[in-house]
Every structure is written in structure tokens, then in C-alpha cells.
Amino acid sequence: MPEFQQETSPSETALLIRRLLLELSGNELTNSDRISASTAETYNNLRRLVEDAMDRYSITFRGICNRLSDGQHVDDMEALRGIGRTLFNRGCNTWGRVISLTSLVCCVMKMRQKSRPGESREIPTNMASFLARYLDEEFEPEMKKLGGWATLQRDLPNPNLTETRVKKWLLGSVIVFGTASLKALMIDSY
């Protein structure tokens, strides 16, 4: 008798990565690509971080993409897996490394879409499957220790919000120190 296999729902990693790659590639989302309202903030932060890294490290990523396209590596996924192994092999897996690998995969995806325009949906779907599987295998235990994807917002907050918090803290500190200084001067003058 054939064994019944229960269909598992995609991991949170798979949902976030698939949605990210489909959106960045310009593809339309399907109902299966929808995320919950509670995951939306994490997704928005992930997207912001990945887009920022793609901009910030575009020259480096372009060089890697050129090496992949010059024929030395026939299989993008194998080359990306090798880069991932190097990135995650030190036992100090962080969100920054996840963002770096995700950004590189997005750059490779965009390069492949330009060179193979007829595969505009397959390329991001395949790369998203690869990256989600890779992160589930390599980063899932560490991610559980950190508290899951929701901690991405805590660990790598929006820099604009952080800057605002720092400015408020500095302003508060100036007021407190200023008040203390005035009191000290007033006491010394009596």
C-alpha cells in the first residue's frame, strides 16, 4: 500500500524569499505568495535590507555575476552554494550573512533574467527555491536560537528609526546635562 505523504506548507523562509525574488524580478504574486500581516513588517525590513545591500555592494556583486556569466561556472546554483558554504562555514551565522547571500542571489537572478528573457518566471522561482532550501538547511538552527524571522526587525532595525531614537536620546541627554549644569552653577553662585 502506498505511503500517504502529508503535504507540508512552505516554511516562513520559503514564503519570504519567494515573495522577495518574485517582486524584485517584476513578476506578479499569486495567492500562495501572500504573507500574513504579522509577517509583513519582517518582509518589508528584509526587502529594504536586501535592496540596500544590492545598491551598496553593486560593484562587488557585478564582479561575481560577471565571473558566473563568463562560462567558468555552468551551474549558478552550485556556484552560489559554494559561496554560501564559505559565508556560513565559520559557525558565526548572522542576519548580515543571510542578507549578503540573499542580495547576491537577487543580483544573479536579475543577470539571468536579462540573458534569458523567456524564463522570467522560472528563474526567480528556481532561485527562490534554492535559497530557501539552503537557508533552511544552513541557518534554520541558528535562526531558531535567535527567535525566528521576526527578530530581523529587532537585530537590524530601520536605520532611519534608529537615527531618530539616537537623536531623541541625545536631545534628552543634553537637556538632563544642561539642567544639571544650571543647577550646579546656581548652587555655586549662592
Protein backbone atom coordinates (compact mmCIF):
# COMPACT_ATOMS: atom_id res chain seq x y z
CA MET A 1 0.00 0.00 0.00
CA PRO A 2 1.47 3.41 -0.93
CA GLU A 3 2.52 5.56 1.95
CA PHE A 4 0.48 8.71 2.45
CA GLN A 5 2.66 11.79 2.46
CA GLN A 6 1.24 14.82 4.13
CA GLU A 7 1.79 17.96 2.10
CA THR A 8 3.71 20.42 4.19
CA SER A 9 3.18 24.12 3.96
CA PRO A 10 6.15 26.19 2.86
CA SER A 11 8.44 27.42 5.60
CA GLU A 12 8.39 31.06 6.58
CA THR A 13 11.79 31.33 4.92
CA ALA A 14 10.39 29.95 1.66
CA LEU A 15 7.45 32.37 1.70
CA LEU A 16 9.60 35.43 2.42
CA ILE A 17 12.31 34.57 -0.10
CA ARG A 18 9.88 33.58 -2.87
CA ARG A 19 7.90 36.79 -2.45
CA LEU A 20 11.09 38.87 -2.38
CA LEU A 21 12.56 37.36 -5.54
CA LEU A 22 9.27 37.47 -7.44
CA GLU A 23 8.71 41.13 -6.54
CA LEU A 24 12.28 42.17 -7.34
CA SER A 25 12.05 40.37 -10.67
CA GLY A 26 8.85 42.21 -11.58
CA ASN A 27 6.63 39.12 -11.51
CA GLU A 28 3.07 39.15 -10.27
CA LEU A 29 2.32 37.46 -6.98
CA THR A 30 -0.17 34.62 -6.70
CA ASN A 31 -2.40 33.80 -3.73
CA SER A 32 0.22 31.35 -2.48
CA ASP A 33 2.73 34.22 -2.29
CA ARG A 34 0.64 36.21 0.18
CA ILE A 35 2.03 36.76 3.66
CA SER A 36 0.25 37.48 6.90
CA ALA A 37 0.00 40.97 8.34
CA SER A 38 2.29 39.92 11.19
CA THR A 39 4.97 38.85 8.69
CA ALA A 40 4.61 41.98 6.52
CA GLU A 41 6.84 44.14 8.75
CA THR A 42 9.56 41.48 8.68
CA TYR A 43 9.21 41.21 4.91
CA ASN A 44 9.42 44.98 4.41
CA ASN A 45 12.55 45.13 6.55
CA LEU A 46 14.09 42.19 4.66
CA ARG A 47 13.35 43.84 1.33
CA ARG A 48 14.80 47.17 2.48
CA LEU A 49 17.97 45.48 3.73
CA VAL A 50 18.42 43.42 0.55
CA GLU A 51 17.84 46.40 -1.76
CA ASP A 52 20.25 48.49 0.33
CA ALA A 53 22.92 45.77 0.16
CA MET A 54 22.38 45.39 -3.60
CA ASP A 55 22.98 49.12 -4.03
CA ARG A 56 25.85 49.34 -1.58
CA TYR A 57 27.75 46.32 -2.91
CA SER A 58 26.70 46.52 -6.56
CA ILE A 59 30.29 46.65 -7.86
CA THR A 60 31.27 43.52 -5.92
CA PHE A 61 28.10 41.68 -6.92
CA ARG A 62 28.54 42.73 -10.56
CA GLY A 63 32.05 41.24 -10.49
CA ILE A 64 30.73 37.96 -9.10
CA CYS A 65 27.93 37.92 -11.68
CA ASN A 66 30.45 38.53 -14.48
CA ARG A 67 32.52 35.59 -13.26
CA LEU A 68 29.41 33.42 -13.29
CA SER A 69 28.48 34.51 -16.79
CA ASP A 70 31.95 34.10 -18.35
CA GLY A 71 31.46 30.36 -18.69
CA GLN A 72 33.62 29.16 -15.82
CA HIS A 73 30.55 28.13 -13.84
CA VAL A 74 27.88 26.30 -15.79
CA ASP A 75 25.56 25.92 -12.80
CA ASP A 76 24.66 29.13 -10.94
CA MET A 77 23.20 27.19 -8.04
CA GLU A 78 26.39 25.21 -7.48
CA ALA A 79 28.46 28.39 -7.55
CA LEU A 80 26.05 30.10 -5.12
CA ARG A 81 26.09 27.03 -2.87
CA GLY A 82 29.90 27.28 -2.75
CA ILE A 83 29.70 30.97 -1.87
CA GLY A 84 27.11 30.13 0.79
CA ARG A 85 29.32 27.40 2.27
CA THR A 86 32.16 29.89 2.54
CA LEU A 87 29.88 32.51 4.05
CA PHE A 88 28.27 30.20 6.64
CA ASN A 89 31.17 27.87 7.49
CA ARG A 90 32.66 29.82 10.38
CA GLY A 91 29.90 28.99 12.84
CA CYS A 92 29.07 32.67 13.32
CA ASN A 93 25.91 32.84 11.27
CA THR A 94 24.25 36.22 11.42
CA TRP A 95 21.45 38.11 9.73
CA GLY A 96 24.10 40.08 7.86
CA ARG A 97 25.28 36.91 6.14
CA VAL A 98 21.71 35.98 5.25
CA ILE A 99 21.20 39.44 3.74
CA SER A 100 24.51 39.21 1.85
CA LEU A 101 23.70 35.84 0.29
CA THR A 102 20.12 36.87 -0.48
CA SER A 103 21.34 40.08 -2.15
CA LEU A 104 23.85 38.17 -4.26
CA VAL A 105 21.18 35.67 -5.33
CA CYS A 106 18.93 38.60 -6.34
CA CYS A 107 21.74 40.10 -8.44
CA VAL A 108 22.42 36.76 -10.15
CA MET A 109 18.68 36.37 -10.74
CA LYS A 110 18.48 39.79 -12.42
CA MET A 111 21.53 38.99 -14.57
CA ARG A 112 20.00 35.69 -15.69
CA GLN A 113 16.68 37.36 -16.46
CA LYS A 114 18.45 39.76 -18.81
CA SER A 115 20.27 36.94 -20.58
CA ARG A 116 17.21 34.63 -20.72
CA PRO A 117 14.11 36.83 -21.10
CA GLY A 118 11.87 33.87 -21.96
CA GLU A 119 12.32 32.41 -18.46
CA SER A 120 11.22 35.47 -16.48
CA ARG A 121 9.08 33.49 -14.01
CA GLU A 122 11.13 30.28 -13.82
CA ILE A 123 14.42 31.96 -12.90
CA PRO A 124 13.17 33.72 -9.72
CA THR A 125 11.08 30.70 -8.74
CA ASN A 126 14.05 28.33 -9.08
CA MET A 127 16.43 30.69 -7.31
CA ALA A 128 13.92 31.28 -4.51
CA SER A 129 13.52 27.52 -4.03
CA PHE A 130 17.29 27.10 -3.95
CA LEU A 131 17.88 29.94 -1.49
CA ALA A 132 15.01 28.98 0.83
CA ARG A 133 16.21 25.36 0.95
CA TYR A 134 19.77 26.47 1.53
CA LEU A 135 18.83 28.86 4.35
CA ASP A 136 16.52 26.27 5.91
CA GLU A 137 19.40 23.77 5.92
CA GLU A 138 22.25 26.10 6.92
CA PHE A 139 20.65 28.83 9.01
CA GLU A 140 17.46 27.33 10.49
CA PRO A 141 19.05 26.08 13.76
CA GLU A 142 20.73 29.45 14.31
CA MET A 143 17.53 31.26 13.34
CA LYS A 144 15.57 29.32 15.95
CA LYS A 145 18.11 30.32 18.61
CA LEU A 146 17.73 33.96 17.54
CA GLY A 147 13.94 33.75 17.70
CA GLY A 148 12.98 33.38 14.02
CA TRP A 149 12.49 35.86 11.22
CA ALA A 150 10.64 38.27 13.49
CA THR A 151 13.95 39.08 15.20
CA LEU A 152 15.30 40.50 11.94
CA GLN A 153 13.49 43.74 12.76
CA ARG A 154 14.99 43.80 16.25
CA ASP A 155 18.52 42.89 15.20
CA LEU A 156 18.70 45.00 12.03
CA PRO A 157 16.21 47.81 12.55
CA ASN A 158 15.38 50.52 10.08
CA PRO A 159 18.34 52.92 10.32
CA ASN A 160 16.03 55.92 9.99
CA LEU A 161 14.16 54.82 13.11
CA THR A 162 17.41 54.11 14.91
CA GLU A 163 18.77 57.52 13.95
CA THR A 164 15.58 59.13 15.27
CA ARG A 165 15.93 57.21 18.55
CA VAL A 166 19.56 58.28 18.88
CA LYS A 167 18.67 61.92 18.20
CA LYS A 168 15.93 61.76 20.84
CA TRP A 169 18.33 60.16 23.31
CA LEU A 170 20.97 62.81 22.60
CA LEU A 171 18.42 65.60 22.96
CA GLY A 172 17.24 64.09 26.25
CA SER A 173 20.84 63.79 27.43
CA VAL A 174 21.59 67.39 26.53
CA ILE A 175 18.51 68.55 28.45
CA VAL A 176 19.41 66.47 31.51
CA PHE A 177 23.08 67.51 31.49
CA GLY A 178 22.13 71.12 30.77
CA THR A 179 19.67 71.17 33.67
CA ALA A 180 22.22 69.56 35.97
CA SER A 181 24.85 72.09 34.92
CA LEU A 182 22.49 75.01 35.53
CA LYS A 183 21.64 73.67 38.99
CA ALA A 184 25.32 73.26 39.79
CA LEU A 185 26.04 76.81 38.67
CA MET A 186 23.13 78.16 40.68
CA ILE A 187 24.28 76.32 43.80
CA ASP A 188 27.88 77.56 43.32
CA SER A 189 26.72 81.15 42.90
CA TYR A 190 24.86 81.22 46.26
